[in-house]
């Protein structure tokens, strides 16, 4: 599991790239990526290298959404078909933008 954050093409976007398993062991590293960040109005969660997610990952995304509030958007990008299916079954397509 690896989580890295970097600014996007402009300073208003933060890309959080997750690799490997996105599960309970990721909680602290994932939270560190977005807490204390100011002047960002779009977060992109790059899931292109994620092999597995569990319910903890779903909870982390909901906690992130609560933390950033209505002032920012969260997009989940590059999901594999099997991971996107989990998001659709959980109705996360109603809460997040998918690219």
Protein backbone atom coordinates (compact mmCIF):
# COMPACT_ATOMS: atom_id res chain seq x y z
CA UNK A 1 0.00 0.00 0.00
CA UNK A 2 1.26 3.40 -0.96
CA UNK A 3 -0.42 6.79 -0.94
CA UNK A 4 1.10 9.89 -2.50
CA UNK A 5 -0.32 13.40 -2.87
CA UNK A 6 0.73 16.01 -5.38
CA UNK A 7 -0.64 19.27 -6.72
CA UNK A 8 -2.43 19.10 -10.06
CA UNK A 9 -1.94 21.34 -13.07
CA UNK A 10 -3.04 24.30 -11.00
CA UNK A 11 -2.67 24.93 -7.29
CA UNK A 12 -6.40 24.43 -6.72
CA UNK A 13 -6.23 20.68 -7.40
CA UNK A 14 -4.72 17.90 -5.27
CA UNK A 15 -4.21 14.42 -6.72
CA UNK A 16 -4.03 11.57 -4.23
CA UNK A 17 -2.66 8.40 -5.85
CA UNK A 18 -3.38 5.14 -4.04
CA UNK A 19 -1.53 1.91 -4.84
CA UNK A 20 -2.04 -1.69 -3.77
CA UNK A 21 -4.67 -2.38 -1.13
CA UNK A 22 -6.87 0.53 -0.07
CA UNK A 23 -7.98 -0.72 3.33
CA UNK A 24 -7.87 -0.07 7.08
CA UNK A 25 -4.07 0.08 7.04
CA UNK A 26 -4.32 3.18 4.82
CA UNK A 27 -6.34 5.35 7.22
CA UNK A 28 -3.56 7.51 8.66
CA UNK A 29 -1.64 7.99 5.40
CA UNK A 30 -4.80 8.84 3.48
CA UNK A 31 -6.00 11.34 6.09
CA UNK A 32 -2.60 13.08 6.14
CA UNK A 33 -2.93 13.80 2.42
CA UNK A 34 -5.93 16.11 2.74
CA UNK A 35 -5.91 17.50 6.29
CA UNK A 36 -4.36 20.91 6.70
CA UNK A 37 -4.58 21.59 2.96
CA UNK A 38 -5.87 25.04 2.06
CA UNK A 39 -6.77 26.71 -1.23
CA UNK A 40 -7.70 23.42 -2.88
CA UNK A 41 -11.16 23.13 -4.40
CA UNK A 42 -10.78 19.80 -6.24
CA UNK A 43 -9.43 16.49 -4.99
CA UNK A 44 -8.78 13.64 -7.41
CA UNK A 45 -8.36 10.15 -6.02
CA UNK A 46 -6.33 8.22 -8.60
CA UNK A 47 -7.21 4.55 -8.25
CA UNK A 48 -5.30 3.31 -11.32
CA UNK A 49 -2.93 1.17 -9.21
CA UNK A 50 -5.43 -0.06 -6.60
CA UNK A 51 -5.80 -3.83 -6.49
CA UNK A 52 -8.35 -4.13 -3.68
CA UNK A 53 -10.63 -1.97 -1.55
CA UNK A 54 -12.68 -2.80 1.52
CA UNK A 55 -15.37 -1.08 3.53
CA UNK A 56 -12.72 0.94 5.39
CA UNK A 57 -11.79 2.63 2.10
CA UNK A 58 -15.41 3.56 1.55
CA UNK A 59 -15.52 5.04 5.05
CA UNK A 60 -12.29 6.98 4.43
CA UNK A 61 -13.80 8.57 1.33
CA UNK A 62 -16.95 9.53 3.23
CA UNK A 63 -14.86 11.02 6.06
CA UNK A 64 -12.85 12.99 3.51
CA UNK A 65 -16.05 14.30 1.97
CA UNK A 66 -17.27 15.39 5.39
CA UNK A 67 -13.91 17.06 6.14
CA UNK A 68 -13.71 19.10 2.91
CA UNK A 69 -17.41 19.93 2.97
CA UNK A 70 -19.26 21.60 0.14
CA UNK A 71 -16.36 23.88 -0.74
CA UNK A 72 -14.50 21.23 -2.75
CA UNK A 73 -15.27 18.44 -5.19
CA UNK A 74 -13.92 14.93 -4.98
CA UNK A 75 -13.40 12.91 -8.15
CA UNK A 76 -12.48 9.24 -8.20
CA UNK A 77 -10.57 8.34 -11.33
CA UNK A 78 -9.09 5.37 -13.16
CA UNK A 79 -10.90 2.58 -11.29
CA UNK A 80 -10.67 -0.96 -12.55
CA UNK A 81 -14.05 -2.41 -13.56
CA UNK A 82 -14.24 -4.59 -10.44
CA UNK A 83 -13.52 -1.69 -8.09
CA UNK A 84 -15.93 0.61 -9.92
CA UNK A 85 -18.59 -2.08 -9.47
CA UNK A 86 -18.09 -1.91 -5.69
CA UNK A 87 -18.58 1.87 -5.82
CA UNK A 88 -21.73 1.50 -7.93
CA UNK A 89 -23.21 -1.17 -5.65
CA UNK A 90 -22.50 1.13 -2.68
CA UNK A 91 -24.16 4.02 -4.58
CA UNK A 92 -21.01 6.14 -4.38
CA UNK A 93 -21.81 7.36 -7.89
CA UNK A 94 -24.44 9.55 -6.20
CA UNK A 95 -21.88 11.14 -3.84
CA UNK A 96 -18.70 11.42 -5.93
CA UNK A 97 -17.65 12.29 -9.47
CA UNK A 98 -16.19 9.36 -11.42
CA UNK A 99 -13.73 9.87 -14.27
